[in-house]
Structures are given as structure tokens and as C-alpha cells.
N, C-alpha and C. Protein backbone atom coordinates (compact mmCIF):
# COMPACT_ATOMS: atom_id res chain seq x y z
N UNK A 1 -15.70 23.44 12.21
CA UNK A 1 -14.36 22.99 11.89
C UNK A 1 -14.35 22.31 10.53
N UNK A 2 -13.35 22.66 9.76
CA UNK A 2 -13.20 21.97 8.47
C UNK A 2 -11.74 21.98 8.06
N UNK A 3 -11.38 21.01 7.25
CA UNK A 3 -10.06 21.00 6.64
C UNK A 3 -10.15 21.70 5.30
N UNK A 4 -9.20 22.59 5.05
CA UNK A 4 -9.15 23.31 3.79
C UNK A 4 -7.78 23.10 3.16
N UNK A 5 -7.76 23.18 1.84
CA UNK A 5 -6.51 23.11 1.10
C UNK A 5 -5.86 24.49 1.17
N UNK A 6 -4.55 24.56 1.34
CA UNK A 6 -3.89 25.87 1.37
C UNK A 6 -4.29 26.73 0.18
N UNK A 7 -4.59 27.99 0.48
CA UNK A 7 -5.07 28.92 -0.54
C UNK A 7 -4.61 30.33 -0.16
N UNK A 8 -4.48 31.17 -1.18
CA UNK A 8 -4.11 32.57 -0.96
C UNK A 8 -5.15 33.29 -0.10
N UNK A 9 -6.37 32.78 -0.08
CA UNK A 9 -7.44 33.40 0.71
C UNK A 9 -7.14 33.38 2.21
N UNK A 10 -6.20 32.54 2.64
CA UNK A 10 -5.91 32.40 4.07
C UNK A 10 -4.63 33.12 4.49
N UNK A 11 -4.20 34.11 3.75
CA UNK A 11 -2.94 34.80 4.05
C UNK A 11 -2.94 35.41 5.45
N UNK A 12 -3.98 36.15 5.80
CA UNK A 12 -4.02 36.79 7.11
C UNK A 12 -4.11 35.75 8.23
N UNK A 13 -4.91 34.72 8.03
CA UNK A 13 -5.04 33.67 9.03
C UNK A 13 -3.72 32.93 9.19
N UNK A 14 -3.01 32.69 8.09
CA UNK A 14 -1.72 32.02 8.18
C UNK A 14 -0.71 32.88 8.94
N UNK A 15 -0.73 34.18 8.71
CA UNK A 15 0.18 35.08 9.43
C UNK A 15 -0.05 34.99 10.94
N UNK A 16 -1.31 34.92 11.37
CA UNK A 16 -1.62 34.77 12.80
C UNK A 16 -1.16 33.40 13.31
N UNK A 17 -1.39 32.37 12.50
CA UNK A 17 -0.96 31.00 12.83
C UNK A 17 0.55 30.98 13.06
N UNK A 18 1.29 31.57 12.13
CA UNK A 18 2.75 31.61 12.24
C UNK A 18 3.19 32.42 13.45
N UNK A 19 2.57 33.55 13.69
CA UNK A 19 2.95 34.40 14.83
C UNK A 19 2.78 33.65 16.14
N UNK A 20 1.74 32.86 16.25
CA UNK A 20 1.52 32.05 17.44
C UNK A 20 2.69 31.08 17.64
N UNK A 21 3.09 30.41 16.56
CA UNK A 21 4.24 29.51 16.64
C UNK A 21 5.51 30.28 16.98
N UNK A 22 5.74 31.39 16.30
CA UNK A 22 6.97 32.15 16.52
C UNK A 22 7.10 32.59 17.98
N UNK A 23 6.00 32.95 18.59
CA UNK A 23 6.03 33.42 19.97
C UNK A 23 6.10 32.29 20.98
N UNK A 24 5.44 31.17 20.71
CA UNK A 24 5.29 30.13 21.73
C UNK A 24 5.95 28.79 21.41
N UNK A 25 6.42 28.59 20.17
CA UNK A 25 7.04 27.32 19.79
C UNK A 25 7.99 27.60 18.62
N UNK A 26 9.07 28.32 18.94
CA UNK A 26 9.99 28.80 17.91
C UNK A 26 10.60 27.67 17.09
N UNK A 27 10.85 26.53 17.72
CA UNK A 27 11.45 25.41 16.99
C UNK A 27 10.56 24.97 15.83
N UNK A 28 9.28 24.77 16.09
CA UNK A 28 8.37 24.35 15.03
C UNK A 28 7.96 25.50 14.12
N UNK A 29 8.12 26.73 14.56
CA UNK A 29 7.81 27.88 13.71
C UNK A 29 8.66 27.86 12.45
N UNK A 30 9.88 27.37 12.55
CA UNK A 30 10.79 27.36 11.39
C UNK A 30 10.20 26.59 10.22
N UNK A 31 9.43 25.55 10.50
CA UNK A 31 8.80 24.77 9.43
C UNK A 31 7.85 25.64 8.60
N UNK A 32 7.21 26.60 9.25
CA UNK A 32 6.21 27.44 8.59
C UNK A 32 6.77 28.79 8.11
N UNK A 33 8.01 29.07 8.42
CA UNK A 33 8.63 30.35 8.06
C UNK A 33 8.56 30.67 6.56
N UNK A 34 8.73 29.70 5.66
CA UNK A 34 8.62 30.02 4.24
C UNK A 34 7.28 30.67 3.87
N UNK A 35 6.23 30.35 4.62
CA UNK A 35 4.93 30.95 4.35
C UNK A 35 4.87 32.42 4.69
N UNK A 36 5.74 32.87 5.56
CA UNK A 36 5.81 34.29 5.90
C UNK A 36 6.71 35.02 4.92
N UNK A 37 7.75 34.36 4.47
CA UNK A 37 8.70 34.98 3.55
C UNK A 37 8.06 35.27 2.19
N UNK A 38 7.27 34.32 1.68
CA UNK A 38 6.62 34.49 0.38
C UNK A 38 5.38 33.59 0.36
N UNK A 39 4.27 34.11 0.86
CA UNK A 39 3.07 33.29 1.01
C UNK A 39 2.58 32.70 -0.30
N UNK A 40 2.49 33.46 -1.40
CA UNK A 40 2.03 32.84 -2.65
C UNK A 40 2.91 31.68 -3.10
N UNK A 41 4.22 31.83 -3.00
CA UNK A 41 5.12 30.74 -3.40
C UNK A 41 4.96 29.54 -2.47
N UNK A 42 4.74 29.81 -1.19
CA UNK A 42 4.56 28.73 -0.21
C UNK A 42 3.29 27.93 -0.52
N UNK A 43 2.20 28.62 -0.77
CA UNK A 43 0.94 27.94 -1.11
C UNK A 43 1.12 27.13 -2.38
N UNK A 44 1.79 27.70 -3.37
CA UNK A 44 2.04 26.97 -4.62
C UNK A 44 2.86 25.71 -4.35
N UNK A 45 3.89 25.83 -3.52
CA UNK A 45 4.73 24.69 -3.19
C UNK A 45 3.92 23.58 -2.52
N UNK A 46 3.09 23.94 -1.55
CA UNK A 46 2.28 22.93 -0.86
C UNK A 46 1.33 22.24 -1.83
N UNK A 47 0.70 23.00 -2.69
CA UNK A 47 -0.24 22.41 -3.64
C UNK A 47 0.48 21.60 -4.72
N UNK A 48 1.68 22.02 -5.10
CA UNK A 48 2.49 21.22 -6.03
C UNK A 48 2.89 19.88 -5.41
N UNK A 49 3.22 19.91 -4.10
CA UNK A 49 3.60 18.66 -3.43
C UNK A 49 2.47 17.64 -3.50
N UNK A 50 1.24 18.10 -3.40
CA UNK A 50 0.10 17.19 -3.47
C UNK A 50 0.02 16.52 -4.84
N UNK A 51 0.50 17.22 -5.86
CA UNK A 51 0.46 16.69 -7.23
C UNK A 51 1.76 15.99 -7.62
N UNK A 52 2.74 16.01 -6.70
CA UNK A 52 4.03 15.39 -7.00
C UNK A 52 4.90 16.22 -7.92
N UNK A 53 4.65 17.53 -7.96
CA UNK A 53 5.38 18.44 -8.85
C UNK A 53 6.54 19.10 -8.09
N UNK A 54 7.71 19.13 -8.74
CA UNK A 54 8.90 19.82 -8.19
C UNK A 54 9.28 19.34 -6.79
N UNK A 55 9.20 18.04 -6.56
CA UNK A 55 9.54 17.50 -5.25
C UNK A 55 11.06 17.49 -5.05
N UNK A 56 11.52 17.95 -3.89
CA UNK A 56 12.95 17.82 -3.58
C UNK A 56 13.32 16.34 -3.49
N UNK A 57 14.60 16.04 -3.62
CA UNK A 57 15.08 14.67 -3.53
C UNK A 57 14.64 14.06 -2.20
N UNK A 58 14.13 12.83 -2.26
CA UNK A 58 13.71 12.13 -1.06
C UNK A 58 12.29 12.42 -0.62
N UNK A 59 11.63 13.39 -1.23
CA UNK A 59 10.24 13.71 -0.89
C UNK A 59 9.30 12.84 -1.70
N UNK A 60 8.10 12.64 -1.16
CA UNK A 60 7.05 11.93 -1.87
C UNK A 60 5.86 12.88 -1.98
N UNK A 61 4.91 12.61 -2.89
CA UNK A 61 3.73 13.45 -2.95
C UNK A 61 3.07 13.54 -1.57
N UNK A 62 2.62 14.73 -1.23
CA UNK A 62 2.10 14.99 0.12
C UNK A 62 0.98 16.03 0.02
N UNK A 63 -0.19 15.67 0.50
CA UNK A 63 -1.33 16.60 0.53
C UNK A 63 -1.33 17.34 1.85
N UNK A 64 -1.49 18.65 1.78
CA UNK A 64 -1.50 19.51 2.96
C UNK A 64 -2.91 20.06 3.18
N UNK A 65 -3.29 20.12 4.45
CA UNK A 65 -4.60 20.68 4.82
C UNK A 65 -4.42 21.54 6.06
N UNK A 66 -5.28 22.55 6.17
CA UNK A 66 -5.29 23.40 7.35
C UNK A 66 -6.64 23.25 8.04
N UNK A 67 -6.64 23.14 9.35
CA UNK A 67 -7.88 23.10 10.12
C UNK A 67 -8.32 24.53 10.37
N UNK A 68 -9.53 24.83 9.93
CA UNK A 68 -10.07 26.19 10.01
C UNK A 68 -11.33 26.17 10.85
N UNK A 69 -11.49 27.20 11.69
CA UNK A 69 -12.72 27.30 12.47
C UNK A 69 -13.70 28.26 11.79
N UNK A 70 -14.83 28.49 12.40
CA UNK A 70 -15.87 29.32 11.79
C UNK A 70 -15.48 30.78 11.70
N UNK A 71 -14.49 31.20 12.50
CA UNK A 71 -14.01 32.59 12.44
C UNK A 71 -12.84 32.74 11.46
N UNK A 72 -12.57 31.72 10.67
CA UNK A 72 -11.50 31.74 9.67
C UNK A 72 -10.10 31.67 10.28
N UNK A 73 -9.99 31.26 11.54
CA UNK A 73 -8.67 31.07 12.15
C UNK A 73 -8.11 29.72 11.71
N UNK A 74 -6.81 29.68 11.49
CA UNK A 74 -6.14 28.42 11.22
C UNK A 74 -5.65 27.87 12.55
N UNK A 75 -6.15 26.70 12.90
CA UNK A 75 -5.88 26.09 14.19
C UNK A 75 -4.74 25.08 14.09
N UNK A 76 -4.66 24.41 12.96
CA UNK A 76 -3.64 23.39 12.80
C UNK A 76 -3.34 23.11 11.35
N UNK A 77 -2.28 22.35 11.15
CA UNK A 77 -1.87 21.92 9.81
C UNK A 77 -1.63 20.42 9.87
N UNK A 78 -2.03 19.73 8.82
CA UNK A 78 -1.86 18.29 8.76
C UNK A 78 -1.42 17.90 7.36
N UNK A 79 -0.50 16.95 7.31
CA UNK A 79 0.09 16.51 6.05
C UNK A 79 -0.15 15.02 5.87
N UNK A 80 -0.52 14.62 4.66
CA UNK A 80 -0.71 13.20 4.34
C UNK A 80 0.24 12.85 3.21
N UNK A 81 1.24 12.07 3.54
CA UNK A 81 2.19 11.59 2.53
C UNK A 81 1.53 10.42 1.81
N UNK A 82 1.52 10.48 0.49
CA UNK A 82 0.77 9.52 -0.31
C UNK A 82 1.33 8.10 -0.19
N UNK A 83 2.59 7.97 0.11
CA UNK A 83 3.20 6.67 0.38
C UNK A 83 4.43 6.91 1.24
N UNK A 84 4.94 5.84 1.82
CA UNK A 84 6.12 5.96 2.69
C UNK A 84 7.21 5.02 2.19
N UNK A 85 7.49 5.12 0.90
CA UNK A 85 8.43 4.21 0.24
C UNK A 85 9.88 4.68 0.32
N UNK A 86 10.29 5.19 1.47
CA UNK A 86 11.71 5.42 1.70
C UNK A 86 11.99 5.15 3.17
N UNK A 87 13.23 4.84 3.51
CA UNK A 87 13.54 4.40 4.88
C UNK A 87 13.14 5.41 5.97
N UNK A 88 13.38 6.70 5.75
CA UNK A 88 13.04 7.69 6.75
C UNK A 88 11.54 7.73 7.02
N UNK A 89 10.74 7.81 5.96
CA UNK A 89 9.29 7.86 6.15
C UNK A 89 8.76 6.57 6.75
N UNK A 90 9.27 5.44 6.28
CA UNK A 90 8.78 4.15 6.75
C UNK A 90 9.12 3.88 8.22
N UNK A 91 10.14 4.54 8.73
CA UNK A 91 10.54 4.30 10.12
C UNK A 91 10.19 5.46 11.04
N UNK A 92 10.46 6.71 10.61
CA UNK A 92 10.43 7.84 11.53
C UNK A 92 9.32 8.86 11.31
N UNK A 93 8.77 8.96 10.13
CA UNK A 93 7.81 10.03 9.87
C UNK A 93 6.40 9.53 9.61
N UNK A 94 6.26 8.43 8.90
CA UNK A 94 4.94 7.88 8.63
C UNK A 94 4.17 8.62 7.56
N UNK A 95 2.91 8.25 7.44
CA UNK A 95 2.02 8.84 6.43
C UNK A 95 1.52 10.22 6.82
N UNK A 96 1.24 10.42 8.09
CA UNK A 96 0.54 11.63 8.52
C UNK A 96 1.34 12.33 9.61
N UNK A 97 1.49 13.63 9.42
CA UNK A 97 2.12 14.48 10.44
C UNK A 97 1.25 15.70 10.65
N UNK A 98 1.27 16.26 11.83
CA UNK A 98 0.39 17.39 12.11
C UNK A 98 0.95 18.28 13.21
N UNK A 99 0.44 19.50 13.24
CA UNK A 99 0.77 20.48 14.27
C UNK A 99 -0.50 21.24 14.62
N UNK A 100 -0.65 21.53 15.89
CA UNK A 100 -1.70 22.44 16.35
C UNK A 100 -0.99 23.71 16.82
N UNK A 101 -1.52 24.86 16.44
CA UNK A 101 -0.94 26.12 16.89
C UNK A 101 -0.97 26.17 18.42
N UNK A 102 0.08 26.71 19.04
CA UNK A 102 0.18 26.69 20.50
C UNK A 102 -1.06 27.21 21.24
N UNK A 103 -1.70 28.24 20.75
CA UNK A 103 -2.86 28.80 21.45
C UNK A 103 -4.05 27.85 21.47
N UNK A 104 -4.05 26.85 20.60
CA UNK A 104 -5.18 25.95 20.46
C UNK A 104 -4.91 24.55 21.01
N UNK A 105 -3.74 24.34 21.59
CA UNK A 105 -3.37 23.01 22.08
C UNK A 105 -4.15 22.63 23.33
N UNK A 106 -4.29 21.33 23.54
CA UNK A 106 -4.96 20.75 24.70
C UNK A 106 -6.46 21.07 24.76
N UNK A 107 -7.03 21.32 23.59
CA UNK A 107 -8.47 21.63 23.50
C UNK A 107 -9.21 20.61 22.63
N UNK A 108 -8.53 19.55 22.21
CA UNK A 108 -9.17 18.50 21.42
C UNK A 108 -9.10 18.68 19.92
N UNK A 109 -8.46 19.76 19.45
CA UNK A 109 -8.44 20.02 18.01
C UNK A 109 -7.55 19.04 17.24
N UNK A 110 -6.50 18.54 17.86
CA UNK A 110 -5.67 17.54 17.19
C UNK A 110 -6.47 16.28 16.88
N UNK A 111 -7.29 15.87 17.84
CA UNK A 111 -8.13 14.69 17.65
C UNK A 111 -9.12 14.91 16.51
N UNK A 112 -9.73 16.08 16.48
CA UNK A 112 -10.69 16.42 15.42
C UNK A 112 -9.99 16.44 14.07
N UNK A 113 -8.83 17.10 14.00
CA UNK A 113 -8.13 17.25 12.74
C UNK A 113 -7.72 15.89 12.18
N UNK A 114 -7.20 15.02 13.02
CA UNK A 114 -6.82 13.69 12.55
C UNK A 114 -8.04 12.90 12.10
N UNK A 115 -9.13 12.98 12.84
CA UNK A 115 -10.36 12.28 12.45
C UNK A 115 -10.84 12.75 11.07
N UNK A 116 -10.76 14.06 10.83
CA UNK A 116 -11.21 14.61 9.55
C UNK A 116 -10.32 14.21 8.37
N UNK A 117 -9.03 13.99 8.63
CA UNK A 117 -8.13 13.69 7.51
C UNK A 117 -8.13 12.21 7.13
N UNK A 118 -8.54 11.33 8.02
CA UNK A 118 -8.47 9.90 7.71
C UNK A 118 -9.25 9.51 6.45
N UNK A 119 -10.49 10.01 6.24
CA UNK A 119 -11.17 9.67 4.98
C UNK A 119 -10.45 10.23 3.75
N UNK A 120 -9.78 11.36 3.90
CA UNK A 120 -9.02 11.92 2.78
C UNK A 120 -7.81 11.04 2.47
N UNK A 121 -7.19 10.50 3.51
CA UNK A 121 -6.08 9.56 3.30
C UNK A 121 -6.60 8.31 2.59
N UNK A 122 -7.78 7.84 2.97
CA UNK A 122 -8.36 6.67 2.31
C UNK A 122 -8.60 6.96 0.83
N UNK A 123 -9.05 8.18 0.51
CA UNK A 123 -9.26 8.55 -0.89
C UNK A 123 -7.96 8.53 -1.69
N UNK A 124 -6.83 8.72 -0.99
CA UNK A 124 -5.52 8.66 -1.65
C UNK A 124 -5.02 7.23 -1.78
N UNK A 125 -5.82 6.26 -1.31
CA UNK A 125 -5.44 4.86 -1.43
C UNK A 125 -4.71 4.31 -0.22
N UNK A 126 -4.69 5.05 0.88
CA UNK A 126 -4.02 4.60 2.10
C UNK A 126 -5.06 3.89 2.97
N UNK A 127 -4.97 2.58 3.04
CA UNK A 127 -5.92 1.81 3.86
C UNK A 127 -5.56 1.89 5.33
N UNK A 128 -4.27 1.77 5.63
CA UNK A 128 -3.76 1.89 7.01
C UNK A 128 -2.61 2.88 6.99
N UNK A 129 -2.69 3.85 7.87
CA UNK A 129 -1.67 4.90 7.92
C UNK A 129 -0.75 4.69 9.11
N UNK A 130 0.53 4.91 8.88
CA UNK A 130 1.52 4.90 9.94
C UNK A 130 1.64 6.33 10.49
N UNK A 131 1.52 6.46 11.81
CA UNK A 131 1.76 7.73 12.49
C UNK A 131 2.84 7.50 13.52
N UNK A 132 3.73 8.47 13.65
CA UNK A 132 4.87 8.35 14.55
C UNK A 132 4.91 9.61 15.42
N UNK A 133 5.11 9.40 16.71
CA UNK A 133 5.21 10.52 17.66
C UNK A 133 6.41 10.27 18.57
N UNK A 134 7.01 11.33 19.05
CA UNK A 134 8.04 11.16 20.07
C UNK A 134 7.43 10.37 21.21
N UNK A 135 8.21 9.45 21.75
CA UNK A 135 7.70 8.60 22.83
C UNK A 135 7.15 9.42 23.99
N UNK A 136 7.79 10.53 24.29
CA UNK A 136 7.37 11.35 25.43
C UNK A 136 6.32 12.41 25.08
N UNK A 137 5.84 12.42 23.83
CA UNK A 137 4.80 13.38 23.43
C UNK A 137 3.43 12.77 23.75
N UNK A 138 3.06 12.86 25.00
CA UNK A 138 1.82 12.24 25.48
C UNK A 138 0.61 12.80 24.74
N UNK A 139 0.58 14.10 24.49
CA UNK A 139 -0.58 14.71 23.82
C UNK A 139 -0.78 14.12 22.42
N UNK A 140 0.29 14.02 21.65
CA UNK A 140 0.17 13.47 20.29
C UNK A 140 -0.22 12.00 20.33
N UNK A 141 0.34 11.27 21.26
CA UNK A 141 -0.01 9.85 21.37
C UNK A 141 -1.48 9.68 21.72
N UNK A 142 -2.01 10.55 22.56
CA UNK A 142 -3.45 10.48 22.90
C UNK A 142 -4.32 10.80 21.70
N UNK A 143 -3.89 11.76 20.87
CA UNK A 143 -4.63 12.09 19.65
C UNK A 143 -4.70 10.86 18.75
N UNK A 144 -3.58 10.20 18.57
CA UNK A 144 -3.53 9.02 17.71
C UNK A 144 -4.40 7.91 18.29
N UNK A 145 -4.27 7.66 19.57
CA UNK A 145 -5.05 6.60 20.21
C UNK A 145 -6.55 6.90 20.19
N UNK A 146 -6.93 8.17 20.33
CA UNK A 146 -8.35 8.55 20.30
C UNK A 146 -8.97 8.30 18.92
N UNK A 147 -8.12 8.21 17.90
CA UNK A 147 -8.60 7.94 16.54
C UNK A 147 -8.38 6.49 16.13
N UNK A 148 -8.22 5.62 17.11
CA UNK A 148 -8.10 4.19 16.82
C UNK A 148 -6.70 3.71 16.53
N UNK A 149 -5.71 4.53 16.80
CA UNK A 149 -4.33 4.12 16.56
C UNK A 149 -3.94 2.92 17.38
N UNK A 150 -3.36 1.94 16.70
CA UNK A 150 -2.89 0.71 17.36
C UNK A 150 -1.38 0.81 17.51
N UNK A 151 -0.92 0.79 18.76
CA UNK A 151 0.50 0.89 19.04
C UNK A 151 1.23 -0.31 18.46
N UNK A 152 2.34 -0.03 17.76
CA UNK A 152 3.15 -1.09 17.19
C UNK A 152 4.43 -1.29 17.99
N UNK A 153 5.23 -0.23 18.14
CA UNK A 153 6.52 -0.40 18.80
C UNK A 153 7.16 0.96 19.08
N UNK A 154 8.23 0.91 19.86
CA UNK A 154 9.10 2.06 20.06
C UNK A 154 10.37 1.77 19.28
N UNK A 155 10.80 2.73 18.48
CA UNK A 155 12.06 2.59 17.73
C UNK A 155 12.93 3.81 18.04
N UNK A 156 14.20 3.67 17.78
CA UNK A 156 15.10 4.81 17.89
C UNK A 156 15.32 5.34 16.48
N UNK A 157 15.03 6.61 16.31
CA UNK A 157 15.18 7.21 15.00
C UNK A 157 16.64 7.33 14.59
N UNK A 158 16.85 7.34 13.29
CA UNK A 158 18.21 7.54 12.77
C UNK A 158 18.42 9.00 12.41
N UNK A 159 17.43 9.65 11.81
CA UNK A 159 17.54 11.07 11.50
C UNK A 159 17.31 11.89 12.78
N UNK A 160 16.31 11.51 13.54
CA UNK A 160 16.03 12.13 14.84
C UNK A 160 16.29 11.05 15.90
N UNK A 161 17.51 11.00 16.44
CA UNK A 161 17.89 9.88 17.30
C UNK A 161 17.28 9.94 18.71
N UNK A 162 15.99 9.75 18.76
CA UNK A 162 15.28 9.69 20.03
C UNK A 162 14.20 8.61 19.92
N UNK A 163 13.67 8.15 21.05
CA UNK A 163 12.64 7.11 21.00
C UNK A 163 11.35 7.62 20.34
N UNK A 164 10.85 6.83 19.42
CA UNK A 164 9.65 7.17 18.66
C UNK A 164 8.60 6.07 18.82
N UNK A 165 7.37 6.48 19.08
CA UNK A 165 6.25 5.53 19.19
C UNK A 165 5.57 5.43 17.83
N UNK A 166 5.42 4.22 17.34
CA UNK A 166 4.81 3.96 16.03
C UNK A 166 3.41 3.39 16.22
N UNK A 167 2.46 3.93 15.45
CA UNK A 167 1.06 3.51 15.50
C UNK A 167 0.55 3.29 14.09
N UNK A 168 -0.45 2.42 13.97
CA UNK A 168 -1.17 2.22 12.70
C UNK A 168 -2.64 2.53 12.94
N UNK A 169 -3.24 3.24 11.97
CA UNK A 169 -4.65 3.60 12.03
C UNK A 169 -5.33 3.18 10.73
N UNK A 170 -6.49 2.54 10.86
CA UNK A 170 -7.29 2.24 9.67
C UNK A 170 -7.91 3.54 9.17
N UNK A 171 -7.77 3.80 7.88
CA UNK A 171 -8.30 5.04 7.29
C UNK A 171 -9.70 4.86 6.74
N UNK A 172 -10.05 3.64 6.42
CA UNK A 172 -11.37 3.38 5.84
C UNK A 172 -12.37 3.09 6.95
N UNK A 173 -13.58 3.63 6.81
CA UNK A 173 -14.60 3.39 7.85
C UNK A 173 -15.00 1.94 7.96
């Protein structure tokens, strides 16, 4: 298992990753749909976001990584926002967000992926990362807690008006 930066070399693996979402989690598949429409432009956009280039209004620099196994399958995607200096990120989204492809869920890969990204977040200058999960998303909350996440509070989102569990994780060893 390793985290890789989005690259054109993963076009076929990304297509399988997206197909899994499209078949088993259509709501979250929409987030990845641009990668199917124009994969080179999508990869460029993700890598530009890491550099803070061409960010849409309200976005902050964000590094994207894909969890890859030894067979070159993409198992998950994880995003590290370099800072959370706007109300939405500071309350509802946090520093780190992630998805595991439906076929790979409940196998411990979310825990591995988050563990692998924490040192990368530290390299970006994030000493403590805020992670936010839907209150009823037990699997995501367990991933956060397995990586040392300290529960802070439940808040009601303004953009996503549902109960959200907020956690803080130390990124530095």
C-alpha cells in the first residue's frame, strides 16, 4: 500500500475506481465524474490545487493522494487542505477528507490511508488536523479514532445541515 500523487499513469485504475463508485455509491461518484469526462484535465486540476493554482472562489490549496495497492488498483482517495481559513472548512469539512471505493470498504484501508497521510500533512505545516464525519458515519469515525483522533464536539452543519462529529488528530509523530 502506498499513497501516490494523481498521475496520467493511473488512468485505467481510476476508471475502475470510478466504476465502483458509479455502481455502488452514485452520490459520491459525482465527485469523481470529472475524472471520467477528461482524465488529463482532472489530473492537472488536482495537481494545480496542491500548488494553489487556478483555485475556484472559496477553495484553499489542497493536496490529493490516491491509495494504491501492489496490483495498481486505486482503493481510496484522500485530500489534505493546507489550511482551513474559511468558515465552511473550519466548521464542516476540516483539513482532511477521504473516500474508500465501495468494493474496498470495511477492510481497514481507510485506517491505513489516514495513517499514511498524516506525516504528509505535517510536512505541509499542519501540526493538528481537523477531521469531520457525519455523526452517524460509524465507519469513518472509527477510522479517525484508530488514528488517534480526539473527539471535540457535534455541530450542525450550515452547508450540510446534519449533525457532524469533529475530531482533532496530531500529525507529527
